[in-house]
Amino acid sequence: MIKILVVDDEPDLEVLIKQKFRKEIRDQKYDFSFATNGVDALSFLNLNPNIDILLSDINMPQMDGLTLLSKISEQNILIKSVIVSAYGDLQNIRTAMNRGAFDFITKPINFEDLEITIEKTIKQVNQMKMTMEAIKQNNLLKMYVDDTVLKYMTSQEFETTLHTNENVEATVAFIDICSFTSISENASPDTVVKLLNTYFDVMVKEIIAQEGYVDKFIGDAIMAIFKGDYHLDRAIDACLAVRKHINELPAENNENNYRPKVSTGINFGDMISGNIGSVSLKRLDYTVIGDAVNIAQRLQSMATPDQILISESAYQKVKESFHCKEAGSYQLKNKQHPVNVYEVLE
């Protein structure tokens, strides 16, 4: 609903407007309010700052319409003002425009012209609201993304990347905070979120230090991706560092004396990288999928606190770089044969 404030000292104008726009008022398309001079209008605007359009006469007692325009431009730049006056000489029109008026209508009022002007002004109001919302969202985005990333997101390269689906060789790691459900069921929401963010921050720093990136947060777990040279080695280094720093965190002062631990599953291989989600919902997630990803997730679900589990193929690649031990043979979902699993110790 568009909110319109009419400022005019002619008492008949309120009746005429309510008659001429009765259908729009009944359909809640327009919501008209009325003031008899500039002083009353400013008082009303102080109490009702969500007015979209101002229709104002020029010649009024206490405060004229041109002075009112100056005051409004100082206090509320979002209101679009239209002057409705019998004094339609060029000087008044120029003064009104210079003080921020969007349009000028002369009296006696042609209500068809007034309606067209209001519709035109509404388009400007809506465009301005969309612009302000975009600015607000952009400022919010800047809180989480640095300028380099923002520039890339507006580039042609980024547009091309969004529509690029490809096969990549990479390493994926799933890192879960063990037994965090016991905290979330008993602590306050503020405590739960604060703790989870603290743990995630420790984990993310180590992932980034090894040139990995967080693909997504899944409840109290992280899915991280590592690409490029020695991606498997860097993933394991990151997960070892995550385990070390999480274990160094103090116990929480609660009934269970909760101390955080992580369980980790790591796997590498060919996977599909692309924009996956729902176009109709406008929610797409640039992520990786494939058998290698599924195995990493299942390894994590099998891991106990402090365990880092890898597949046999991963072990064969890193056995000279990391101290590992055999953790057993497991039948994984959708796998015809059991999979040999290894634990990374250090």
C-alpha atoms as a PDB file:
ATOM      1  CA  MET A   1       0.000   0.000   0.000  1.00  0.00           C
ATOM      2  CA  ILE A   2       1.325   3.437  -0.981  1.00  0.00           C
ATOM      3  CA  LYS A   3       1.081   6.003   1.809  1.00  0.00           C
ATOM      4  CA  ILE A   4       0.339   9.547   0.638  1.00  0.00           C
ATOM      5  CA  LEU A   5       0.292  12.729   2.741  1.00  0.00           C
ATOM      6  CA  VAL A   6      -1.778  15.629   1.314  1.00  0.00           C
ATOM      7  CA  VAL A   7      -0.849  19.089   2.695  1.00  0.00           C
ATOM      8  CA  ASP A   8      -3.347  21.828   1.825  1.00  0.00           C
ATOM      9  CA  ASP A   9      -5.376  24.387   3.783  1.00  0.00           C
ATOM     10  CA  GLU A  10      -8.437  24.010   1.545  1.00  0.00           C
ATOM     11  CA  PRO A  11     -10.948  21.918   3.527  1.00  0.00           C
ATOM     12  CA  ASP A  12     -12.783  20.727   0.403  1.00  0.00           C
ATOM     13  CA  LEU A  13      -9.691  19.039  -1.034  1.00  0.00           C
ATOM     14  CA  GLU A  14      -9.756  16.177   1.458  1.00  0.00           C
ATOM     15  CA  VAL A  15     -13.368  15.385   0.526  1.00  0.00           C
ATOM     16  CA  LEU A  16     -12.638  15.561  -3.204  1.00  0.00           C
ATOM     17  CA  ILE A  17      -9.612  13.254  -2.980  1.00  0.00           C
ATOM     18  CA  LYS A  18     -11.494  10.690  -0.906  1.00  0.00           C
ATOM     19  CA  GLN A  19     -14.306  10.740  -3.475  1.00  0.00           C
ATOM     20  CA  LYS A  20     -12.083  10.538  -6.556  1.00  0.00           C
ATOM     21  CA  PHE A  21      -9.868   7.772  -5.157  1.00  0.00           C
ATOM     22  CA  ARG A  22     -12.498   5.859  -3.216  1.00  0.00           C
ATOM     23  CA  LYS A  23     -11.926   2.654  -5.198  1.00  0.00           C
ATOM     24  CA  GLU A  24      -8.157   2.760  -4.625  1.00  0.00           C
ATOM     25  CA  ILE A  25      -8.729   3.508  -0.923  1.00  0.00           C
ATOM     26  CA  ARG A  26     -11.228   0.657  -0.619  1.00  0.00           C
ATOM     27  CA  ASP A  27      -8.842  -1.724  -2.379  1.00  0.00           C
ATOM     28  CA  GLN A  28      -6.053  -0.565  -0.035  1.00  0.00           C
ATOM     29  CA  LYS A  29      -3.936   0.573  -2.956  1.00  0.00           C
ATOM     30  CA  TYR A  30      -3.573   4.088  -1.523  1.00  0.00           C
ATOM     31  CA  ASP A  31      -3.616   5.263   2.088  1.00  0.00           C
ATOM     32  CA  PHE A  32      -4.226   9.041   2.281  1.00  0.00           C
ATOM     33  CA  SER A  33      -3.448  11.249   5.280  1.00  0.00           C
ATOM     34  CA  PHE A  34      -4.055  15.002   5.484  1.00  0.00           C
ATOM     35  CA  ALA A  35      -2.448  18.092   7.039  1.00  0.00           C
ATOM     36  CA  THR A  36      -3.444  21.758   6.711  1.00  0.00           C
ATOM     37  CA  ASN A  37       0.020  23.368   6.649  1.00  0.00           C
ATOM     38  CA  GLY A  38       3.746  22.668   6.642  1.00  0.00           C
ATOM     39  CA  VAL A  39       4.105  22.667  10.429  1.00  0.00           C
ATOM     40  CA  ASP A  40       1.378  20.043  10.852  1.00  0.00           C
ATOM     41  CA  ALA A  41       2.900  18.038   8.006  1.00  0.00           C
ATOM     42  CA  LEU A  42       6.343  17.914   9.660  1.00  0.00           C
ATOM     43  CA  SER A  43       4.794  16.857  12.947  1.00  0.00           C
ATOM     44  CA  PHE A  44       2.897  14.098  11.175  1.00  0.00           C
ATOM     45  CA  LEU A  45       6.030  12.925   9.339  1.00  0.00           C
ATOM     46  CA  ASN A  46       7.966  12.733  12.600  1.00  0.00           C
ATOM     47  CA  LEU A  47       5.360  10.261  13.867  1.00  0.00           C
ATOM     48  CA  ASN A  48       4.862   8.512  10.516  1.00  0.00           C
ATOM     49  CA  PRO A  49       8.217   8.356   8.698  1.00  0.00           C
ATOM     50  CA  ASN A  50       6.988   5.673   6.267  1.00  0.00           C
ATOM     51  CA  ILE A  51       5.115   8.129   4.012  1.00  0.00           C
ATOM     52  CA  ASP A  52       5.965   7.482   0.347  1.00  0.00           C
ATOM     53  CA  ILE A  53       4.502  10.514  -1.467  1.00  0.00           C
ATOM     54  CA  LEU A  54       3.818  14.106  -0.419  1.00  0.00           C
ATOM     55  CA  LEU A  55       1.213  16.216  -2.279  1.00  0.00           C
ATOM     56  CA  SER A  56       1.584  19.812  -1.125  1.00  0.00           C
ATOM     57  CA  ASP A  57       0.133  23.232  -1.870  1.00  0.00           C
ATOM     58  CA  ILE A  58       2.448  26.274  -1.861  1.00  0.00           C
ATOM     59  CA  ASN A  59       0.429  29.059  -0.260  1.00  0.00           C
ATOM     60  CA  MET A  60      -0.455  27.915   3.316  1.00  0.00           C
ATOM     61  CA  PRO A  61      -0.442  29.531   6.781  1.00  0.00           C
ATOM     62  CA  GLN A  62       2.433  28.966   9.300  1.00  0.00           C
ATOM     63  CA  MET A  63       4.684  27.209   6.778  1.00  0.00           C
ATOM     64  CA  ASP A  64       4.345  27.331   2.991  1.00  0.00           C
ATOM     65  CA  GLY A  65       4.924  24.406   0.664  1.00  0.00           C
ATOM     66  CA  LEU A  66       8.322  25.533  -0.646  1.00  0.00           C
ATOM     67  CA  THR A  67       9.700  25.846   2.889  1.00  0.00           C
ATOM     68  CA  LEU A  68       8.224  22.431   3.657  1.00  0.00           C
ATOM     69  CA  LEU A  69      10.117  20.993   0.680  1.00  0.00           C
ATOM     70  CA  SER A  70      13.411  22.300   2.080  1.00  0.00           C
ATOM     71  CA  LYS A  71      12.684  20.779   5.496  1.00  0.00           C
ATOM     72  CA  ILE A  72      11.728  17.411   4.031  1.00  0.00           C
ATOM     73  CA  SER A  73      14.839  17.227   1.839  1.00  0.00           C
ATOM     74  CA  GLU A  74      16.902  17.703   5.008  1.00  0.00           C
ATOM     75  CA  GLN A  75      15.036  15.108   7.091  1.00  0.00           C
ATOM     76  CA  ASN A  76      13.720  12.429   4.738  1.00  0.00           C
ATOM     77  CA  ILE A  77      15.278  12.070   1.302  1.00  0.00           C
ATOM     78  CA  LEU A  78      13.145   9.010   0.476  1.00  0.00           C
ATOM     79  CA  ILE A  79       9.819  10.898   0.208  1.00  0.00           C
ATOM     80  CA  LYS A  80       8.849  11.915  -3.309  1.00  0.00           C
ATOM     81  CA  SER A  81       7.116  15.330  -3.317  1.00  0.00           C
ATOM     82  CA  VAL A  82       4.614  16.707  -5.839  1.00  0.00           C
ATOM     83  CA  ILE A  83       3.562  20.356  -5.649  1.00  0.00           C
ATOM     84  CA  VAL A  84      -0.162  20.987  -6.312  1.00  0.00           C
ATOM     85  CA  SER A  85      -0.697  24.757  -6.558  1.00  0.00           C
ATOM     86  CA  ALA A  86      -2.542  27.541  -8.370  1.00  0.00           C
ATOM     87  CA  TYR A  87       0.735  29.469  -8.466  1.00  0.00           C
ATOM     88  CA  GLY A  88       2.158  27.693 -11.489  1.00  0.00           C
ATOM     89  CA  ASP A  89       4.482  30.417 -12.729  1.00  0.00           C
ATOM     90  CA  LEU A  90       7.964  29.482 -13.894  1.00  0.00           C
ATOM     91  CA  GLN A  91       9.659  30.916 -10.795  1.00  0.00           C
ATOM     92  CA  ASN A  92       7.638  28.730  -8.404  1.00  0.00           C
ATOM     93  CA  ILE A  93       8.160  25.666 -10.572  1.00  0.00           C
ATOM     94  CA  ARG A  94      11.949  26.226 -10.697  1.00  0.00           C
ATOM     95  CA  THR A  95      12.118  26.847  -6.938  1.00  0.00           C
ATOM     96  CA  ALA A  96      10.080  23.724  -6.229  1.00  0.00           C
ATOM     97  CA  MET A  97      12.289  21.573  -8.454  1.00  0.00           C
ATOM     98  CA  ASN A  98      15.461  22.985  -6.959  1.00  0.00           C
ATOM     99  CA  ARG A  99      14.174  22.070  -3.495  1.00  0.00           C
ATOM    100  CA  GLY A 100      13.526  18.470  -4.448  1.00  0.00           C
ATOM    101  CA  ALA A 101      10.011  18.347  -5.927  1.00  0.00           C
ATOM    102  CA  PHE A 102       9.475  15.394  -8.255  1.00  0.00           C
ATOM    103  CA  ASP A 103       6.646  17.037 -10.234  1.00  0.00           C
ATOM    104  CA  PHE A 104       4.335  20.060 -10.323  1.00  0.00           C
ATOM    105  CA  ILE A 105       0.549  20.146 -10.918  1.00  0.00           C
ATOM    106  CA  THR A 106      -1.473  23.337 -11.267  1.00  0.00           C
ATOM    107  CA  LYS A 107      -4.885  24.061  -9.789  1.00  0.00           C
ATOM    108  CA  PRO A 108      -7.751  23.678 -10.458  1.00  0.00           C
ATOM    109  CA  ILE A 109      -6.774  20.010 -10.208  1.00  0.00           C
ATOM    110  CA  ASN A 110      -7.310  17.728 -13.162  1.00  0.00           C
ATOM    111  CA  PHE A 111      -7.788  14.468 -11.252  1.00  0.00           C
ATOM    112  CA  GLU A 112      -6.960  12.342 -14.273  1.00  0.00           C
ATOM    113  CA  ASP A 113      -3.636  14.157 -14.497  1.00  0.00           C
ATOM    114  CA  LEU A 114      -3.178  13.772 -10.730  1.00  0.00           C
ATOM    115  CA  GLU A 115      -3.757  10.026 -10.946  1.00  0.00           C
ATOM    116  CA  ILE A 116      -1.223   9.663 -13.770  1.00  0.00           C
ATOM    117  CA  THR A 117       1.279  11.726 -11.780  1.00  0.00           C
ATOM    118  CA  ILE A 118       0.769   9.598  -8.667  1.00  0.00           C
ATOM    119  CA  GLU A 119       1.301   6.405 -10.690  1.00  0.00           C
ATOM    120  CA  LYS A 120       4.477   7.847 -12.196  1.00  0.00           C
ATOM    121  CA  THR A 121       5.700   8.872  -8.742  1.00  0.00           C
ATOM    122  CA  ILE A 122       4.949   5.399  -7.344  1.00  0.00           C
ATOM    123  CA  LYS A 123       7.288   3.878  -9.942  1.00  0.00           C
ATOM    124  CA  GLN A 124      10.040   6.177  -8.726  1.00  0.00           C
ATOM    125  CA  VAL A 125       9.295   5.297  -5.100  1.00  0.00           C
ATOM    126  CA  ASN A 126       9.452   1.575  -5.828  1.00  0.00           C
ATOM    127  CA  GLN A 127      12.668   1.952  -7.804  1.00  0.00           C
ATOM    128  CA  MET A 128      14.216   3.882  -4.937  1.00  0.00           C
ATOM    129  CA  LYS A 129      13.148   1.199  -2.436  1.00  0.00           C
ATOM    130  CA  MET A 130      14.745  -1.487  -4.607  1.00  0.00           C
ATOM    131  CA  THR A 131      17.942   0.549  -4.823  1.00  0.00           C
ATOM    132  CA  MET A 132      18.069   1.051  -1.062  1.00  0.00           C
ATOM    133  CA  GLU A 133      17.490  -2.666  -0.477  1.00  0.00           C
ATOM    134  CA  ALA A 134      20.306  -3.502  -2.898  1.00  0.00           C
ATOM    135  CA  ILE A 135      22.631  -1.090  -1.089  1.00  0.00           C
ATOM    136  CA  LYS A 136      21.680  -2.627   2.257  1.00  0.00           C
ATOM    137  CA  GLN A 137      22.335  -6.150   0.988  1.00  0.00           C
ATOM    138  CA  ASN A 138      25.618  -5.047  -0.571  1.00  0.00           C
ATOM    139  CA  ASN A 139      26.752  -3.489   2.719  1.00  0.00           C
ATOM    140  CA  LEU A 140      25.758  -6.663   4.539  1.00  0.00           C
ATOM    141  CA  LEU A 141      27.735  -8.725   2.030  1.00  0.00           C
ATOM    142  CA  LYS A 142      30.789  -6.528   2.627  1.00  0.00           C
ATOM    143  CA  MET A 143      30.696  -7.564   6.293  1.00  0.00           C
ATOM    144  CA  TYR A 144      31.505 -11.138   5.254  1.00  0.00           C
ATOM    145  CA  VAL A 145      33.383 -10.836   1.945  1.00  0.00           C
ATOM    146  CA  ASP A 146      36.490  -8.788   1.204  1.00  0.00           C
ATOM    147  CA  ASP A 147      36.697  -6.293  -1.665  1.00  0.00           C
ATOM    148  CA  THR A 148      38.736  -8.573  -3.930  1.00  0.00           C
ATOM    149  CA  VAL A 149      36.039 -11.250  -3.832  1.00  0.00           C
ATOM    150  CA  LEU A 150      33.286  -8.676  -4.396  1.00  0.00           C
ATOM    151  CA  LYS A 151      35.039  -7.357  -7.505  1.00  0.00           C
ATOM    152  CA  TYR A 152      35.418 -10.906  -8.796  1.00  0.00           C
ATOM    153  CA  MET A 153      31.712 -11.573  -8.163  1.00  0.00           C
ATOM    154  CA  THR A 154      30.793  -8.705 -10.492  1.00  0.00           C
ATOM    155  CA  SER A 155      33.217  -9.741 -13.234  1.00  0.00           C
ATOM    156  CA  GLN A 156      32.546 -11.594 -16.477  1.00  0.00           C
ATOM    157  CA  GLU A 157      34.857 -14.358 -15.261  1.00  0.00           C
ATOM    158  CA  PHE A 158      32.588 -14.969 -12.275  1.00  0.00           C
ATOM    159  CA  GLU A 159      29.495 -15.103 -14.518  1.00  0.00           C
ATOM    160  CA  THR A 160      31.239 -17.725 -16.671  1.00  0.00           C
ATOM    161  CA  THR A 161      32.351 -19.707 -13.627  1.00  0.00           C
ATOM    162  CA  LEU A 162      28.804 -19.883 -12.278  1.00  0.00           C
ATOM    163  CA  HIS A 163      27.719 -21.804 -15.366  1.00  0.00           C
ATOM    164  CA  THR A 164      30.816 -24.017 -15.613  1.00  0.00           C
ATOM    165  CA  ASN A 165      30.381 -27.660 -14.648  1.00  0.00           C
ATOM    166  CA  GLU A 166      33.542 -29.743 -14.736  1.00  0.00           C
ATOM    167  CA  ASN A 167      35.327 -32.845 -13.545  1.00  0.00           C
ATOM    168  CA  VAL A 168      38.062 -32.076 -11.036  1.00  0.00           C
ATOM    169  CA  GLU A 169      40.478 -34.085  -8.967  1.00  0.00           C
ATOM    170  CA  ALA A 170      40.388 -32.862  -5.398  1.00  0.00           C
ATOM    171  CA  THR A 171      40.320 -33.910  -1.767  1.00  0.00           C
ATOM    172  CA  VAL A 172      37.266 -33.518   0.409  1.00  0.00           C
ATOM    173  CA  ALA A 173      37.259 -33.570   4.211  1.00  0.00           C
ATOM    174  CA  PHE A 174      34.291 -33.849   6.538  1.00  0.00           C
ATOM    175  CA  ILE A 175      35.059 -32.649  10.073  1.00  0.00           C
ATOM    176  CA  ASP A 176      32.384 -33.125  12.725  1.00  0.00           C
ATOM    177  CA  ILE A 177      32.283 -31.745  16.272  1.00  0.00           C
ATOM    178  CA  CYS A 178      31.572 -34.821  18.387  1.00  0.00           C
ATOM    179  CA  SER A 179      28.668 -34.984  20.850  1.00  0.00           C
ATOM    180  CA  PHE A 180      27.757 -31.338  20.301  1.00  0.00           C
ATOM    181  CA  THR A 181      24.092 -32.361  20.362  1.00  0.00           C
ATOM    182  CA  SER A 182      24.329 -32.748  24.130  1.00  0.00           C
ATOM    183  CA  ILE A 183      25.202 -29.047  24.381  1.00  0.00           C
ATOM    184  CA  SER A 184      22.545 -27.905  21.926  1.00  0.00           C
ATOM    185  CA  GLU A 185      19.845 -29.782  23.845  1.00  0.00           C
ATOM    186  CA  ASN A 186      20.713 -28.299  27.242  1.00  0.00           C
ATOM    187  CA  ALA A 187      22.333 -24.893  26.755  1.00  0.00           C
ATOM    188  CA  SER A 188      20.673 -21.632  25.721  1.00  0.00           C
ATOM    189  CA  PRO A 189      20.527 -20.773  22.001  1.00  0.00           C
ATOM    190  CA  ASP A 190      23.009 -17.924  22.496  1.00  0.00           C
ATOM    191  CA  THR A 191      25.479 -20.261  24.186  1.00  0.00           C
ATOM    192  CA  VAL A 192      25.097 -22.933  21.508  1.00  0.00           C
ATOM    193  CA  VAL A 193      25.655 -20.510  18.626  1.00  0.00           C
ATOM    194  CA  LYS A 194      28.584 -18.785  20.345  1.00  0.00           C
ATOM    195  CA  LEU A 195      30.332 -22.103  21.053  1.00  0.00           C
ATOM    196  CA  LEU A 196      29.719 -23.483  17.582  1.00  0.00           C
ATOM    197  CA  ASN A 197      31.052 -20.332  15.942  1.00  0.00           C
ATOM    198  CA  THR A 198      34.138 -20.447  18.174  1.00  0.00           C
ATOM    199  CA  TYR A 199      34.881 -24.044  17.176  1.00  0.00           C
ATOM    200  CA  PHE A 200      34.184 -23.354  13.505  1.00  0.00           C
ATOM    201  CA  ASP A 201      36.526 -20.367  13.569  1.00  0.00           C
ATOM    202  CA  VAL A 202      39.393 -22.558  14.816  1.00  0.00           C
ATOM    203  CA  MET A 203      38.666 -25.140  12.110  1.00  0.00           C
ATOM    204  CA  VAL A 204      38.311 -22.659   9.255  1.00  0.00           C
ATOM    205  CA  LYS A 205      41.624 -20.936  10.033  1.00  0.00           C
ATOM    206  CA  GLU A 206      43.498 -24.219   9.651  1.00  0.00           C
ATOM    207  CA  ILE A 207      41.648 -25.106   6.448  1.00  0.00           C
ATOM    208  CA  ILE A 208      42.489 -21.730   4.902  1.00  0.00           C
ATOM    209  CA  ALA A 209      46.113 -22.016   6.080  1.00  0.00           C
ATOM    210  CA  GLN A 210      46.427 -25.101   3.844  1.00  0.00           C
ATOM    211  CA  GLU A 211      44.766 -23.311   0.903  1.00  0.00           C
ATOM    212  CA  GLY A 212      41.508 -25.191   1.261  1.00  0.00           C
ATOM    213  CA  TYR A 213      38.066 -23.668   1.342  1.00  0.00           C
ATOM    214  CA  VAL A 214      34.882 -24.383   3.248  1.00  0.00           C
ATOM    215  CA  ASP A 215      32.314 -25.809   0.854  1.00  0.00           C
ATOM    216  CA  LYS A 216      29.535 -25.707   3.436  1.00  0.00           C
ATOM    217  CA  PHE A 217      28.607 -25.880   7.106  1.00  0.00           C
ATOM    218  CA  ILE A 218      26.371 -28.874   7.788  1.00  0.00           C
ATOM    219  CA  GLY A 219      24.881 -28.578  11.262  1.00  0.00           C
ATOM    220  CA  ASP A 220      27.899 -28.966  13.550  1.00  0.00           C
ATOM    221  CA  ALA A 221      30.197 -30.246  10.766  1.00  0.00           C
ATOM    222  CA  ILE A 222      32.298 -28.690   8.012  1.00  0.00           C
ATOM    223  CA  MET A 223      32.794 -29.925   4.463  1.00  0.00           C
ATOM    224  CA  ALA A 224      36.125 -28.634   3.122  1.00  0.00           C
ATOM    225  CA  ILE A 225      37.640 -28.914  -0.361  1.00  0.00           C
ATOM    226  CA  PHE A 226      41.323 -28.901  -1.339  1.00  0.00           C
ATOM    227  CA  LYS A 227      42.470 -28.531  -4.950  1.00  0.00           C
ATOM    228  CA  GLY A 228      45.793 -28.056  -6.690  1.00  0.00           C
ATOM    229  CA  ASP A 229      49.216 -29.508  -5.979  1.00  0.00           C
ATOM    230  CA  TYR A 230      49.454 -31.991  -3.082  1.00  0.00           C
ATOM    231  CA  HIS A 231      45.781 -31.454  -2.245  1.00  0.00           C
ATOM    232  CA  LEU A 232      45.553 -34.708  -0.259  1.00  0.00           C
ATOM    233  CA  ASP A 233      48.640 -33.901   1.839  1.00  0.00           C
ATOM    234  CA  ARG A 234      47.387 -30.383   2.545  1.00  0.00           C
ATOM    235  CA  ALA A 235      43.962 -31.700   3.557  1.00  0.00           C
ATOM    236  CA  ILE A 236      45.508 -34.128   6.052  1.00  0.00           C
ATOM    237  CA  ASP A 237      47.805 -31.399   7.425  1.00  0.00           C
ATOM    238  CA  ALA A 238      44.782 -29.149   7.910  1.00  0.00           C
ATOM    239  CA  CYS A 239      42.773 -31.858   9.696  1.00  0.00           C
ATOM    240  CA  LEU A 240      45.703 -32.720  11.983  1.00  0.00           C
ATOM    241  CA  ALA A 241      46.015 -29.029  12.885  1.00  0.00           C
ATOM    242  CA  VAL A 242      42.262 -28.781  13.475  1.00  0.00           C
ATOM    243  CA  ARG A 243      42.376 -31.769  15.834  1.00  0.00           C
ATOM    244  CA  LYS A 244      45.366 -30.331  17.707  1.00  0.00           C
ATOM    245  CA  HIS A 245      43.864 -26.867  18.225  1.00  0.00           C
ATOM    246  CA  ILE A 246      40.394 -28.148  19.082  1.00  0.00           C
ATOM    247  CA  ASN A 247      41.948 -30.402  21.752  1.00  0.00           C
ATOM    248  CA  GLU A 248      43.733 -27.380  23.205  1.00  0.00           C
ATOM    249  CA  LEU A 249      40.461 -25.556  23.831  1.00  0.00           C
ATOM    250  CA  PRO A 250      39.339 -25.464  27.477  1.00  0.00           C
ATOM    251  CA  ALA A 251      36.419 -27.508  28.745  1.00  0.00           C
ATOM    252  CA  GLU A 252      33.113 -25.668  28.892  1.00  0.00           C
ATOM    253  CA  ASN A 253      31.775 -24.765  32.304  1.00  0.00           C
ATOM    254  CA  ASN A 254      28.573 -26.792  32.252  1.00  0.00           C
ATOM    255  CA  GLU A 255      27.002 -29.858  33.832  1.00  0.00           C
ATOM    256  CA  ASN A 256      28.817 -32.285  31.532  1.00  0.00           C
ATOM    257  CA  ASN A 257      32.131 -30.381  31.596  1.00  0.00           C
ATOM    258  CA  TYR A 258      32.015 -30.644  27.792  1.00  0.00           C
ATOM    259  CA  ARG A 259      35.349 -30.682  25.989  1.00  0.00           C
ATOM    260  CA  PRO A 260      35.210 -30.475  22.173  1.00  0.00           C
ATOM    261  CA  LYS A 261      36.573 -33.263  19.980  1.00  0.00           C
ATOM    262  CA  VAL A 262      36.410 -33.785  16.237  1.00  0.00           C
ATOM    263  CA  SER A 263      35.958 -36.862  14.053  1.00  0.00           C
ATOM    264  CA  THR A 264      37.189 -36.647  10.479  1.00  0.00           C
ATOM    265  CA  GLY A 265      36.805 -38.446   7.160  1.00  0.00           C
ATOM    266  CA  ILE A 266      39.067 -37.647   4.187  1.00  0.00           C
ATOM    267  CA  ASN A 267      39.024 -38.934   0.629  1.00  0.00           C
ATOM    268  CA  PHE A 268      40.324 -37.830  -2.752  1.00  0.00           C
ATOM    269  CA  GLY A 269      39.494 -38.565  -6.363  1.00  0.00           C
ATOM    270  CA  ASP A 270      37.558 -37.341  -9.381  1.00  0.00           C
ATOM    271  CA  MET A 271      34.400 -35.413  -8.593  1.00  0.00           C
ATOM    272  CA  ILE A 272      31.946 -33.181 -10.409  1.00  0.00           C
ATOM    273  CA  SER A 273      32.133 -29.485  -9.575  1.00  0.00           C
ATOM    274  CA  GLY A 274      29.123 -27.344 -10.455  1.00  0.00           C
ATOM    275  CA  ASN A 275      26.217 -25.127  -9.453  1.00  0.00           C
ATOM    276  CA  ILE A 276      23.705 -27.474  -7.830  1.00  0.00           C
ATOM    277  CA  GLY A 277      20.339 -26.625  -6.309  1.00  0.00           C
ATOM    278  CA  SER A 278      16.922 -25.294  -7.284  1.00  0.00           C
ATOM    279  CA  VAL A 279      16.655 -22.669 -10.015  1.00  0.00           C
ATOM    280  CA  SER A 280      12.985 -22.030  -9.169  1.00  0.00           C
ATOM    281  CA  LEU A 281      13.954 -21.244  -5.567  1.00  0.00           C
ATOM    282  CA  LYS A 282      16.965 -19.241  -6.789  1.00  0.00           C
ATOM    283  CA  ARG A 283      19.149 -21.204  -4.402  1.00  0.00           C
ATOM    284  CA  LEU A 284      22.181 -22.744  -6.067  1.00  0.00           C
ATOM    285  CA  ASP A 285      25.216 -24.098  -4.259  1.00  0.00           C
ATOM    286  CA  TYR A 286      28.562 -24.269  -6.044  1.00  0.00           C
ATOM    287  CA  THR A 287      29.805 -27.595  -4.709  1.00  0.00           C
ATOM    288  CA  VAL A 288      31.291 -30.983  -5.545  1.00  0.00           C
ATOM    289  CA  ILE A 289      29.511 -34.316  -5.777  1.00  0.00           C
ATOM    290  CA  GLY A 290      30.500 -37.876  -6.593  1.00  0.00           C
ATOM    291  CA  ASP A 291      31.557 -41.188  -5.131  1.00  0.00           C
ATOM    292  CA  ALA A 292      34.760 -39.747  -3.651  1.00  0.00           C
ATOM    293  CA  VAL A 293      32.691 -37.209  -1.699  1.00  0.00           C
ATOM    294  CA  ASN A 294      30.250 -39.870  -0.465  1.00  0.00           C
ATOM    295  CA  ILE A 295      33.085 -42.062   0.815  1.00  0.00           C
ATOM    296  CA  ALA A 296      34.617 -39.150   2.760  1.00  0.00           C
ATOM    297  CA  GLN A 297      31.292 -38.476   4.454  1.00  0.00           C
ATOM    298  CA  ARG A 298      30.830 -42.136   5.373  1.00  0.00           C
ATOM    299  CA  LEU A 299      34.371 -42.326   6.752  1.00  0.00           C
ATOM    300  CA  GLN A 300      33.608 -39.374   8.974  1.00  0.00           C
ATOM    301  CA  SER A 301      30.409 -41.017  10.256  1.00  0.00           C
ATOM    302  CA  MET A 302      32.477 -44.098  11.234  1.00  0.00           C
ATOM    303  CA  ALA A 303      35.252 -42.109  12.919  1.00  0.00           C
ATOM    304  CA  THR A 304      35.374 -41.841  16.707  1.00  0.00           C
ATOM    305  CA  PRO A 305      36.470 -38.683  18.557  1.00  0.00           C
ATOM    306  CA  ASP A 306      40.027 -37.673  17.550  1.00  0.00           C
ATOM    307  CA  GLN A 307      40.058 -40.147  14.655  1.00  0.00           C
ATOM    308  CA  ILE A 308      41.043 -39.125  11.127  1.00  0.00           C
ATOM    309  CA  LEU A 309      40.031 -41.877   8.718  1.00  0.00           C
ATOM    310  CA  ILE A 310      41.156 -42.210   5.098  1.00  0.00           C
ATOM    311  CA  SER A 311      40.554 -44.761   2.350  1.00  0.00           C
ATOM    312  CA  GLU A 312      43.175 -47.317   1.299  1.00  0.00           C
ATOM    313  CA  SER A 313      43.822 -45.469  -1.970  1.00  0.00           C
ATOM    314  CA  ALA A 314      44.539 -42.297   0.021  1.00  0.00           C
ATOM    315  CA  TYR A 315      46.811 -44.243   2.364  1.00  0.00           C
ATOM    316  CA  GLN A 316      48.861 -45.558  -0.563  1.00  0.00           C
ATOM    317  CA  LYS A 317      49.497 -41.969  -1.692  1.00  0.00           C
ATOM    318  CA  VAL A 318      50.520 -40.547   1.701  1.00  0.00           C
ATOM    319  CA  LYS A 319      51.981 -43.489   3.624  1.00  0.00           C
ATOM    320  CA  GLU A 320      55.525 -42.125   3.260  1.00  0.00           C
ATOM    321  CA  SER A 321      54.510 -38.709   4.535  1.00  0.00           C
ATOM    322  CA  PHE A 322      52.156 -39.542   7.432  1.00  0.00           C
ATOM    323  CA  HIS A 323      52.141 -42.114  10.193  1.00  0.00           C
ATOM    324  CA  CYS A 324      49.014 -44.221   9.708  1.00  0.00           C
ATOM    325  CA  LYS A 325      47.641 -47.518  10.979  1.00  0.00           C
ATOM    326  CA  GLU A 326      45.069 -49.904   9.591  1.00  0.00           C
ATOM    327  CA  ALA A 327      41.645 -49.305  11.145  1.00  0.00           C
ATOM    328  CA  GLY A 328      39.831 -52.273   9.656  1.00  0.00           C
ATOM    329  CA  SER A 329      37.695 -53.260   6.717  1.00  0.00           C
ATOM    330  CA  TYR A 330      34.186 -51.823   6.445  1.00  0.00           C
ATOM    331  CA  GLN A 331      31.193 -52.394   4.208  1.00  0.00           C
ATOM    332  CA  LEU A 332      30.207 -48.936   3.021  1.00  0.00           C
ATOM    333  CA  LYS A 333      26.807 -48.075   1.614  1.00  0.00           C
ATOM    334  CA  ASN A 334      26.514 -48.671  -2.152  1.00  0.00           C
ATOM    335  CA  LYS A 335      29.891 -50.420  -2.227  1.00  0.00           C
ATOM    336  CA  GLN A 336      29.951 -54.007  -3.479  1.00  0.00           C
ATOM    337  CA  HIS A 337      33.103 -54.962  -1.591  1.00  0.00           C
ATOM    338  CA  PRO A 338      34.411 -53.969   1.849  1.00  0.00           C
ATOM    339  CA  VAL A 339      36.739 -50.955   1.943  1.00  0.00           C
ATOM    340  CA  ASN A 340      40.001 -50.994   3.853  1.00  0.00           C
ATOM    341  CA  VAL A 341      40.231 -47.967   6.133  1.00  0.00           C
ATOM    342  CA  TYR A 342      43.305 -46.347   7.692  1.00  0.00           C
ATOM    343  CA  GLU A 343      43.670 -43.935  10.596  1.00  0.00           C
ATOM    344  CA  VAL A 344      46.082 -41.004  10.339  1.00  0.00           C
ATOM    345  CA  LEU A 345      47.989 -40.699  13.600  1.00  0.00           C
ATOM    346  CA  GLU A 346      50.405 -37.869  12.884  1.00  0.00           C
END
